[in-house]
Amino acid sequence: MEESSKKNKAWEIHERELAFCCALLDLSKEAREKVAEHLERKLPNINNEVQAFKKIINGDVSDTGKTGSIRLEIKDKYLSGTAFDTEKAAEHVKSCIGEFTEDSKDEFRILACCCAIVSPQVEIKKILSEYLETKLQSFNQETTKFSTFIKNKTTDDSDLGKTDKKRFEIFKQHKDESNYKDALEVLFNKLKEIDPERKWGMVDILGVNKWLRSRDYVAAVDRYDSLCSRSFDRLLSDAFFEKFFMDTDGSPKKDFIFLEDNSSDEKELEEAVSNNMSLILAEGFDFENLPQVDPLELGSRVAKSITEFFDNMTNVRMRNMLFEQWEETHRSLIKQAKKIFRKEFDKVLDPEHFAVEIFGKDDFDRECIYCGLTESKTRFLKENDLLFTKKLYCKGATMEVDQKDAHKGYFPDNIVLACYWCNNAKTDEFDFDEWMKVGKVFKDIWIARKQSLIN
């Protein structure tokens, strides 16, 4: 009985010693599976013991119980001065399971490095962390280490610690901008290996915006983002107005204070804003369902009331002050609602279709559908001082997106490219056919200005 107990204890120490070596050497999953098979244990049991030893290796010696003492004795066995004898650990593992893959961190670090370079979607990082059997937080932390090399433009490893030197060796293989595609390919191939049944595309990895930017649709992506932001801002503004200023019958809320036109009494304005803001904050707002609201239907409901309520500049100022304060108070909720709205907006106006089929690549010479002015003609007129708008530094260089019918929204068959001048002059007063007639007049003006250089 006593002899059997000694054998069991010896085997227990043997198990823990192998687990310690796994922890010290960062053995691969394949190697740990061999260890589990050798010990006739399940892999999760080995992994638990490995994690316990990793804490000890990192300096956590808080476990002073019987098991903790055994682990510390094993740790001390592999100490050579102040450093661990990794060669001794490798030889011990090899004597038990034969040849093995020593560093499980290599793949972990390579994938983290590629993620730092490519910046894939969060979903991709989750898939990779699950494959690597690590927490997403740990994978993100490793990615951040490589991002630091990129941010600091690190060129050598002279000031780096042992672990960071290993990272830098991996980083050197991918750090050049020319290797971006290589890093992208590493992630792409790994994802195909993880889930061969799924039809992986670069859009899956990068997200549609980054993918389009990588294919020279930068201006299209920026314009699309602007359309989405403006649509959300309008929706938020209309929803704010309807919720807090209108009763169910469309009349002004009785408790609200409205002021006389052009009132110059700032104190009176401040009191009105303070009173009305108290009412607004007390009522609450349904941010969760905001992205599902039909902006066109909402806009038509509030359009007439807005005109009647704010028929003077004092009330317009009050409304703007209230809205700004309310936005500031609910910034995080608004940001979250905007993200959800973006998904809904993408269903209406697909970003890829917009970029490829409507707006075109960065080098595409876009043309105004109404007056025929192109971006190259705009540059020509500007270079020859034949454009006079004061906003030319930020307006006019790129075609804008106009709604043929201003009351139907940004649907693919309702949007066209228009120059800054046609888009702003058309407003929501004129329909498409009406402005096509006006556009001919604009076209004649542009031709006449160009002709003036010859004369």
Protein backbone atom coordinates (compact mmCIF):
# COMPACT_ATOMS: atom_id res chain seq x y z
CA MET A 1 0.00 0.00 0.00
CA GLU A 2 2.82 2.35 0.95
CA GLU A 3 4.75 1.46 -2.23
CA SER A 4 1.65 2.15 -4.37
CA SER A 5 1.23 5.55 -2.72
CA LYS A 6 4.84 6.45 -3.52
CA LYS A 7 4.32 5.44 -7.14
CA ASN A 8 1.20 7.61 -7.39
CA LYS A 9 3.03 10.57 -5.89
CA ALA A 10 5.96 10.10 -8.28
CA TRP A 11 3.56 9.94 -11.22
CA GLU A 12 1.79 13.10 -9.98
CA ILE A 13 5.11 14.94 -9.84
CA HIS A 14 5.95 13.61 -13.33
CA GLU A 15 2.62 14.98 -14.63
CA ARG A 16 3.15 18.38 -13.08
CA GLU A 17 6.77 18.54 -14.26
CA LEU A 18 5.70 17.97 -17.86
CA ALA A 19 2.99 20.63 -17.46
CA PHE A 20 5.65 23.02 -16.14
CA CYS A 21 7.83 22.34 -19.18
CA CYS A 22 4.83 22.99 -21.44
CA ALA A 23 4.31 26.34 -19.72
CA LEU A 24 7.98 27.32 -19.78
CA LEU A 25 8.46 26.42 -23.46
CA ASP A 26 5.04 27.67 -24.66
CA LEU A 27 4.43 24.32 -26.32
CA SER A 28 2.05 24.11 -29.26
CA LYS A 29 -1.37 22.54 -28.99
CA GLU A 30 -0.09 19.52 -30.95
CA ALA A 31 2.74 19.04 -28.44
CA ARG A 32 0.40 19.39 -25.47
CA GLU A 33 -1.88 16.78 -27.01
CA LYS A 34 1.11 14.40 -27.12
CA VAL A 35 1.82 15.15 -23.47
CA ALA A 36 -1.82 14.46 -22.59
CA GLU A 37 -1.68 11.17 -24.49
CA HIS A 38 1.58 10.18 -22.73
CA LEU A 39 0.05 10.93 -19.33
CA GLU A 40 -3.30 9.37 -20.27
CA ARG A 41 -5.01 12.63 -19.37
CA LYS A 42 -7.48 14.87 -21.16
CA LEU A 43 -6.02 17.98 -22.79
CA PRO A 44 -8.14 20.44 -20.68
CA ASN A 45 -6.60 18.95 -17.50
CA ILE A 46 -3.09 19.52 -18.87
CA ASN A 47 -4.03 23.04 -19.97
CA ASN A 48 -5.28 23.90 -16.48
CA GLU A 49 -2.00 22.78 -14.93
CA VAL A 50 -0.03 24.68 -17.60
CA GLN A 51 -1.93 27.86 -16.76
CA ALA A 52 -1.17 27.40 -13.06
CA PHE A 53 2.56 27.12 -13.82
CA LYS A 54 2.45 30.16 -16.11
CA LYS A 55 1.31 32.23 -13.14
CA ILE A 56 4.23 30.96 -11.09
CA ILE A 57 6.69 31.64 -13.95
CA ASN A 58 5.33 35.20 -14.09
CA GLY A 59 6.01 35.66 -10.36
CA ASP A 60 2.71 34.70 -8.72
CA VAL A 61 3.68 32.44 -5.78
CA SER A 62 0.58 33.14 -3.67
CA ASP A 63 -0.50 29.47 -3.60
CA THR A 64 1.21 28.18 -0.42
CA GLY A 65 -0.83 24.98 -0.06
CA LYS A 66 0.41 21.43 -0.62
CA THR A 67 -0.09 21.53 -4.41
CA GLY A 68 1.43 25.01 -4.62
CA SER A 69 4.52 23.78 -2.75
CA ILE A 70 4.95 20.89 -5.19
CA ARG A 71 4.75 23.30 -8.13
CA LEU A 72 7.34 25.62 -6.56
CA GLU A 73 9.72 22.68 -6.03
CA ILE A 74 9.40 21.76 -9.69
CA LYS A 75 9.98 25.38 -10.72
CA ASP A 76 13.15 25.56 -8.59
CA LYS A 77 14.44 22.38 -10.25
CA TYR A 78 14.67 24.24 -13.55
CA LEU A 79 16.19 27.44 -12.22
CA SER A 80 19.78 28.15 -13.19
CA GLY A 81 20.76 31.21 -11.21
CA THR A 82 18.02 33.73 -11.91
CA ALA A 83 17.04 32.26 -15.31
CA PHE A 84 15.15 29.11 -16.32
CA ASP A 85 17.01 26.29 -18.05
CA THR A 86 14.85 25.90 -21.18
CA GLU A 87 17.22 23.37 -22.75
CA LYS A 88 16.78 21.06 -19.75
CA ALA A 89 12.99 21.44 -20.03
CA ALA A 90 13.09 20.68 -23.77
CA GLU A 91 15.19 17.55 -23.19
CA HIS A 92 12.78 16.30 -20.52
CA VAL A 93 9.77 16.73 -22.83
CA LYS A 94 11.63 15.07 -25.72
CA SER A 95 12.47 12.06 -23.54
CA CYS A 96 8.73 11.58 -22.92
CA ILE A 97 7.01 12.34 -26.23
CA GLY A 98 9.81 12.56 -28.80
CA GLU A 99 10.21 15.50 -31.21
CA PHE A 100 7.77 18.40 -30.79
CA THR A 101 6.97 21.97 -31.88
CA GLU A 102 8.62 24.05 -29.20
CA ASP A 103 7.03 27.53 -29.44
CA SER A 104 3.23 27.74 -29.64
CA LYS A 105 3.56 31.51 -29.59
CA ASP A 106 4.99 31.70 -33.13
CA GLU A 107 1.65 31.34 -34.88
CA PHE A 108 -0.05 33.43 -32.21
CA ARG A 109 2.44 36.25 -32.76
CA ILE A 110 2.45 36.00 -36.55
CA LEU A 111 -1.34 36.34 -36.68
CA ALA A 112 -1.27 39.17 -34.13
CA CYS A 113 1.40 40.95 -36.18
CA CYS A 114 -0.66 40.62 -39.36
CA CYS A 115 -3.72 41.95 -37.53
CA ALA A 116 -1.71 44.96 -36.36
CA ILE A 117 -0.74 45.70 -39.97
CA VAL A 118 -4.10 44.98 -41.64
CA SER A 119 -6.54 46.04 -38.86
CA PRO A 120 -9.24 43.48 -39.71
CA GLN A 121 -12.79 43.53 -38.40
CA VAL A 122 -13.43 42.50 -34.79
CA GLU A 123 -15.21 39.35 -35.99
CA ILE A 124 -11.98 38.17 -37.62
CA LYS A 125 -10.00 38.67 -34.40
CA LYS A 126 -12.63 36.66 -32.52
CA ILE A 127 -12.33 33.78 -35.00
CA LEU A 128 -8.54 33.80 -34.76
CA SER A 129 -8.51 33.96 -30.95
CA GLU A 130 -10.90 30.99 -30.77
CA TYR A 131 -8.68 29.05 -33.15
CA LEU A 132 -5.63 29.89 -31.02
CA GLU A 133 -7.52 28.88 -27.87
CA THR A 134 -6.91 32.23 -26.25
CA LYS A 135 -9.10 35.05 -25.02
CA LEU A 136 -9.86 37.88 -27.41
CA GLN A 137 -8.45 40.31 -24.85
CA SER A 138 -5.10 38.46 -24.83
CA PHE A 139 -5.00 38.41 -28.63
CA ASN A 140 -5.78 42.14 -28.76
CA GLN A 141 -3.01 42.83 -26.25
CA GLU A 142 -0.52 40.93 -28.42
CA THR A 143 -1.72 42.85 -31.49
CA THR A 144 -1.16 46.10 -29.60
CA LYS A 145 2.49 45.10 -28.98
CA PHE A 146 3.04 44.95 -32.74
CA SER A 147 1.04 48.14 -33.29
CA THR A 148 3.55 49.86 -31.00
CA PHE A 149 6.37 48.87 -33.36
CA ILE A 150 4.41 50.41 -36.24
CA LYS A 151 3.52 53.57 -34.32
CA ASN A 152 7.06 54.11 -33.03
CA LYS A 153 8.62 53.14 -36.38
CA THR A 154 10.92 50.72 -34.56
CA THR A 155 13.93 49.81 -36.73
CA ASP A 156 16.05 47.61 -34.45
CA ASP A 157 15.73 45.46 -31.32
CA SER A 158 18.68 46.85 -29.34
CA ASP A 159 16.47 48.31 -26.60
CA LEU A 160 13.96 45.45 -26.49
CA GLY A 161 13.53 42.70 -23.94
CA LYS A 162 13.78 38.98 -24.73
CA THR A 163 10.11 38.50 -25.63
CA ASP A 164 9.92 41.71 -27.65
CA LYS A 165 13.02 40.62 -29.59
CA LYS A 166 11.07 37.53 -30.69
CA ARG A 167 8.16 39.74 -31.69
CA PHE A 168 10.45 42.06 -33.62
CA GLU A 169 11.88 39.16 -35.64
CA ILE A 170 8.33 38.40 -36.80
CA PHE A 171 7.55 42.08 -37.30
CA LYS A 172 10.59 42.56 -39.58
CA GLN A 173 9.11 40.07 -42.05
CA HIS A 174 5.91 42.11 -42.43
CA LYS A 175 6.75 45.68 -41.41
CA ASP A 176 7.28 47.23 -44.86
CA GLU A 177 4.28 48.80 -46.51
CA SER A 178 4.96 46.60 -49.53
CA ASN A 179 4.24 43.56 -47.33
CA TYR A 180 0.71 44.71 -46.44
CA LYS A 181 -0.69 42.35 -49.06
CA ASP A 182 1.44 39.52 -47.65
CA ALA A 183 0.00 40.10 -44.16
CA LEU A 184 -3.49 40.18 -45.66
CA GLU A 185 -2.79 36.92 -47.48
CA VAL A 186 -1.58 35.24 -44.24
CA LEU A 187 -4.90 36.09 -42.57
CA PHE A 188 -6.88 35.07 -45.65
CA ASN A 189 -5.17 31.66 -45.89
CA LYS A 190 -5.54 31.02 -42.17
CA LEU A 191 -9.28 31.78 -42.29
CA LYS A 192 -9.70 29.39 -45.23
CA GLU A 193 -7.88 26.75 -43.17
CA ILE A 194 -10.10 27.39 -40.11
CA ASP A 195 -13.38 27.32 -42.06
CA PRO A 196 -12.87 25.87 -45.57
CA GLU A 197 -16.61 25.71 -46.21
CA ARG A 198 -17.06 29.48 -46.01
CA LYS A 199 -16.48 31.57 -49.13
CA TRP A 200 -13.98 34.03 -47.69
CA GLY A 201 -13.41 37.36 -49.38
CA MET A 202 -11.25 40.37 -48.61
CA VAL A 203 -14.42 42.25 -47.64
CA ASP A 204 -14.93 39.72 -44.82
CA ILE A 205 -11.50 40.54 -43.43
CA LEU A 206 -11.32 44.30 -43.93
CA GLY A 207 -14.95 45.35 -43.91
CA VAL A 208 -16.38 47.02 -46.99
CA ASN A 209 -14.95 50.48 -46.24
CA LYS A 210 -11.31 49.39 -45.87
CA TRP A 211 -11.64 47.05 -48.80
CA LEU A 212 -12.93 49.86 -51.04
CA ARG A 213 -10.21 52.22 -49.83
CA SER A 214 -7.58 49.61 -50.70
CA ARG A 215 -9.00 49.55 -54.26
CA ASP A 216 -8.79 53.35 -54.76
CA TYR A 217 -12.36 54.24 -53.84
CA VAL A 218 -11.31 56.62 -51.04
CA ALA A 219 -13.40 59.57 -52.23
CA ALA A 220 -16.43 57.29 -52.70
CA VAL A 221 -16.12 55.92 -49.15
CA ASP A 222 -15.80 59.45 -47.71
CA ARG A 223 -18.84 60.62 -49.66
CA TYR A 224 -20.87 57.61 -48.58
CA ASP A 225 -19.93 58.15 -44.93
CA SER A 226 -20.99 61.78 -45.28
CA LEU A 227 -24.40 60.78 -46.70
CA CYS A 228 -24.94 58.33 -43.86
CA SER A 229 -23.92 60.87 -41.20
CA ARG A 230 -26.12 63.61 -42.62
CA SER A 231 -29.07 61.22 -42.85
CA PHE A 232 -28.64 60.17 -39.23
CA ASP A 233 -28.20 63.76 -38.04
CA ARG A 234 -31.43 64.73 -39.80
CA LEU A 235 -33.26 61.74 -38.33
CA LEU A 236 -31.97 62.54 -34.84
CA SER A 237 -32.91 66.20 -35.16
CA ASP A 238 -36.44 65.42 -36.38
CA ALA A 239 -36.95 62.73 -33.71
CA PHE A 240 -35.76 65.15 -31.02
CA PHE A 241 -38.17 67.81 -32.22
CA GLU A 242 -41.18 65.48 -32.46
CA LYS A 243 -40.53 63.88 -29.08
CA PHE A 244 -39.97 67.00 -27.01
CA PHE A 245 -41.74 69.84 -28.80
CA MET A 246 -44.87 68.30 -30.29
CA ASP A 247 -47.99 66.95 -28.60
CA THR A 248 -49.67 63.94 -30.19
CA ASP A 249 -51.98 66.22 -32.17
CA GLY A 250 -49.03 68.10 -33.66
CA SER A 251 -49.48 71.24 -31.56
CA PRO A 252 -46.69 72.75 -29.42
CA LYS A 253 -46.30 71.24 -25.97
CA LYS A 254 -48.00 73.49 -23.45
CA ASP A 255 -45.26 73.37 -20.80
CA PHE A 256 -42.61 74.59 -23.21
CA ILE A 257 -41.56 78.24 -23.18
CA PHE A 258 -41.44 79.97 -26.57
CA LEU A 259 -40.08 83.49 -26.99
CA GLU A 260 -40.98 86.57 -29.04
CA ASP A 261 -39.24 87.11 -32.35
CA ASN A 262 -35.73 88.67 -32.18
CA SER A 263 -35.76 88.97 -28.41
CA SER A 264 -32.45 90.48 -27.31
CA ASP A 265 -32.89 89.52 -23.65
CA GLU A 266 -30.18 86.88 -23.14
CA LYS A 267 -31.29 86.20 -19.58
CA GLU A 268 -34.81 85.42 -20.77
CA LEU A 269 -33.36 83.07 -23.40
CA GLU A 270 -31.19 81.27 -20.82
CA GLU A 271 -34.18 80.81 -18.50
CA ALA A 272 -36.27 79.40 -21.34
CA VAL A 273 -33.48 76.96 -22.28
CA SER A 274 -33.06 75.89 -18.63
CA ASN A 275 -36.80 75.33 -18.15
CA ASN A 276 -37.21 73.44 -21.41
CA MET A 277 -34.11 71.30 -20.83
CA SER A 278 -35.48 70.18 -17.47
CA LEU A 279 -38.64 68.99 -19.23
CA ILE A 280 -36.61 67.21 -21.91
CA LEU A 281 -34.34 65.36 -19.49
CA ALA A 282 -37.29 64.29 -17.36
CA GLU A 283 -39.05 62.66 -20.31
CA GLY A 284 -36.41 60.27 -21.69
CA PHE A 285 -35.81 59.12 -25.27
CA ASP A 286 -36.01 55.76 -27.07
CA PHE A 287 -32.53 55.47 -28.62
CA GLU A 288 -32.85 51.72 -29.14
CA ASN A 289 -35.61 52.00 -31.74
CA LEU A 290 -34.39 55.22 -33.37
CA PRO A 291 -32.44 53.47 -36.19
CA GLN A 292 -35.63 51.65 -37.28
CA VAL A 293 -37.63 54.88 -37.70
CA ASP A 294 -38.49 55.79 -41.31
CA PRO A 295 -36.68 59.15 -41.76
CA LEU A 296 -38.85 60.20 -44.70
CA GLU A 297 -42.12 59.56 -42.88
CA LEU A 298 -40.81 61.29 -39.75
CA GLY A 299 -39.53 64.24 -41.78
CA SER A 300 -42.89 64.77 -43.44
CA ARG A 301 -44.66 64.67 -40.06
CA VAL A 302 -42.53 67.33 -38.44
CA ALA A 303 -41.81 69.58 -41.46
CA LYS A 304 -44.93 71.74 -41.15
CA SER A 305 -44.74 71.96 -37.34
CA ILE A 306 -41.09 73.02 -37.44
CA THR A 307 -41.99 75.92 -39.72
CA GLU A 308 -44.80 77.03 -37.43
CA PHE A 309 -42.91 76.59 -34.14
CA PHE A 310 -39.71 78.27 -35.21
CA ASP A 311 -40.94 81.19 -37.21
CA ASN A 312 -38.47 83.50 -35.49
CA MET A 313 -34.71 83.44 -34.96
CA THR A 314 -34.92 83.57 -31.15
CA ASN A 315 -36.74 80.24 -31.00
CA VAL A 316 -34.36 78.82 -33.61
CA ARG A 317 -31.44 79.76 -31.32
CA MET A 318 -33.22 78.24 -28.34
CA ARG A 319 -33.89 75.03 -30.22
CA ASN A 320 -30.23 74.76 -31.31
CA MET A 321 -28.97 75.34 -27.78
CA LEU A 322 -31.32 72.69 -26.40
CA PHE A 323 -30.33 70.19 -29.07
CA GLU A 324 -26.58 70.73 -28.48
CA GLN A 325 -26.96 70.29 -24.71
CA TRP A 326 -29.09 67.20 -25.18
CA GLU A 327 -26.58 65.70 -27.64
CA GLU A 328 -23.71 66.29 -25.22
CA THR A 329 -25.64 64.62 -22.38
CA HIS A 330 -26.42 61.52 -24.47
CA ARG A 331 -23.24 61.27 -26.57
CA SER A 332 -22.56 57.57 -25.93
CA LEU A 333 -26.18 56.51 -26.60
CA ILE A 334 -26.26 58.57 -29.79
CA LYS A 335 -22.99 57.00 -30.95
CA GLN A 336 -24.40 53.53 -30.40
CA ALA A 337 -27.64 54.38 -32.23
CA LYS A 338 -25.60 55.76 -35.15
CA LYS A 339 -23.74 52.46 -35.51
CA ILE A 340 -27.03 50.57 -35.73
CA PHE A 341 -28.42 53.17 -38.14
CA ARG A 342 -25.37 52.61 -40.39
CA LYS A 343 -26.35 48.94 -40.77
CA GLU A 344 -29.88 49.97 -41.75
CA PHE A 345 -28.55 52.61 -44.15
CA ASP A 346 -26.28 50.01 -45.81
CA LYS A 347 -29.38 47.92 -46.60
CA VAL A 348 -30.93 50.85 -48.46
CA LEU A 349 -27.82 52.10 -50.25
CA ASP A 350 -25.21 49.34 -50.50
CA PRO A 351 -21.77 50.95 -50.01
CA GLU A 352 -20.07 48.71 -52.56
CA HIS A 353 -22.71 49.42 -55.21
CA PHE A 354 -22.50 53.14 -54.47
CA ALA A 355 -18.71 53.22 -54.81
CA VAL A 356 -18.34 50.99 -57.87
CA GLU A 357 -21.49 51.74 -59.86
CA ILE A 358 -22.34 55.34 -58.92
CA PHE A 359 -19.40 57.39 -57.59
CA GLY A 360 -16.44 55.61 -59.21
CA LYS A 361 -12.74 55.32 -58.44
CA ASP A 362 -10.53 58.19 -57.28
CA ASP A 363 -9.18 58.85 -60.77
CA PHE A 364 -12.65 58.81 -62.38
CA ASP A 365 -13.62 62.16 -63.95
CA ARG A 366 -17.12 62.51 -62.50
CA GLU A 367 -19.69 64.63 -64.32
CA CYS A 368 -22.71 66.65 -63.19
CA ILE A 369 -25.84 65.15 -64.69
CA TYR A 370 -27.54 68.56 -64.92
CA CYS A 371 -24.97 70.93 -66.45
CA GLY A 372 -22.25 68.58 -67.70
CA LEU A 373 -19.48 70.14 -65.58
CA THR A 374 -16.77 67.57 -64.82
CA GLU A 375 -14.19 67.54 -62.05
CA SER A 376 -11.40 68.13 -64.59
CA LYS A 377 -13.30 71.12 -66.02
CA THR A 378 -13.78 72.42 -62.48
CA ARG A 379 -10.01 72.27 -61.90
CA PHE A 380 -9.43 74.09 -65.21
CA LEU A 381 -11.85 76.91 -64.28
CA LYS A 382 -10.30 77.20 -60.82
CA GLU A 383 -6.73 77.32 -62.14
CA ASN A 384 -7.74 80.13 -64.49
CA ASP A 385 -9.59 82.15 -61.81
CA LEU A 386 -12.99 81.58 -63.41
CA LEU A 387 -14.72 80.30 -60.26
CA PHE A 388 -15.65 82.86 -57.64
CA THR A 389 -17.28 81.07 -54.70
CA LYS A 390 -15.55 81.78 -51.37
CA LYS A 391 -15.98 78.10 -50.38
CA LEU A 392 -13.87 76.76 -53.22
CA TYR A 393 -11.24 75.56 -50.74
CA CYS A 394 -13.66 72.94 -49.43
CA LYS A 395 -16.49 72.78 -52.00
CA GLY A 396 -16.76 72.07 -55.70
CA ALA A 397 -13.64 69.98 -56.38
CA THR A 398 -15.57 66.67 -56.16
CA MET A 399 -19.06 65.93 -57.41
CA GLU A 400 -21.80 65.73 -54.79
CA VAL A 401 -24.75 63.35 -54.48
CA ASP A 402 -28.18 64.77 -55.22
CA GLN A 403 -31.57 63.21 -54.61
CA LYS A 404 -33.61 63.44 -57.80
CA ASP A 405 -36.67 63.72 -55.60
CA ALA A 406 -35.68 65.32 -52.28
CA HIS A 407 -38.60 63.60 -50.53
CA LYS A 408 -37.67 59.99 -51.42
CA GLY A 409 -34.30 59.49 -49.76
CA TYR A 410 -30.95 57.99 -50.79
CA PHE A 411 -32.15 55.00 -52.77
CA PRO A 412 -29.98 53.82 -55.70
CA ASP A 413 -32.52 54.88 -58.33
CA ASN A 414 -33.08 58.27 -56.68
CA ILE A 415 -29.51 59.58 -56.55
CA VAL A 416 -27.32 61.20 -59.22
CA LEU A 417 -24.00 63.03 -59.28
CA ALA A 418 -24.27 66.81 -59.32
CA CYS A 419 -21.81 69.67 -59.10
CA TYR A 420 -21.68 71.89 -56.03
CA TRP A 421 -23.52 74.72 -57.82
CA CYS A 422 -26.43 72.64 -59.18
CA ASN A 423 -26.85 70.62 -55.98
CA ASN A 424 -27.06 73.71 -53.79
CA ALA A 425 -29.24 75.77 -56.11
CA LYS A 426 -31.73 72.95 -56.75
CA THR A 427 -32.40 72.49 -52.97
CA ASP A 428 -35.63 70.57 -52.31
CA GLU A 429 -37.74 73.03 -54.29
CA PHE A 430 -37.18 71.67 -57.79
CA ASP A 431 -37.54 68.13 -59.09
CA PHE A 432 -35.17 66.33 -61.44
CA ASP A 433 -36.88 67.22 -64.71
CA GLU A 434 -37.22 70.89 -63.76
CA TRP A 435 -33.54 71.19 -62.89
CA MET A 436 -32.42 69.44 -66.06
CA LYS A 437 -33.83 72.50 -67.87
CA VAL A 438 -31.99 74.89 -65.56
CA GLY A 439 -28.83 72.81 -65.94
CA LYS A 440 -28.69 73.72 -69.65
CA VAL A 441 -28.38 77.37 -68.66
CA PHE A 442 -25.56 76.56 -66.25
CA LYS A 443 -23.83 74.58 -69.01
CA ASP A 444 -23.90 77.59 -71.33
CA ILE A 445 -22.35 79.74 -68.58
CA TRP A 446 -19.44 77.31 -68.06
CA ILE A 447 -18.80 77.18 -71.82
CA ALA A 448 -18.89 80.99 -72.02
CA ARG A 449 -16.36 81.33 -69.17
CA LYS A 450 -14.00 78.89 -70.85
CA GLN A 451 -14.43 80.70 -74.16
CA SER A 452 -13.51 83.99 -72.50
CA LEU A 453 -9.94 82.77 -72.15
CA ILE A 454 -9.65 82.32 -75.91
CA ASN A 455 -11.16 85.74 -76.64
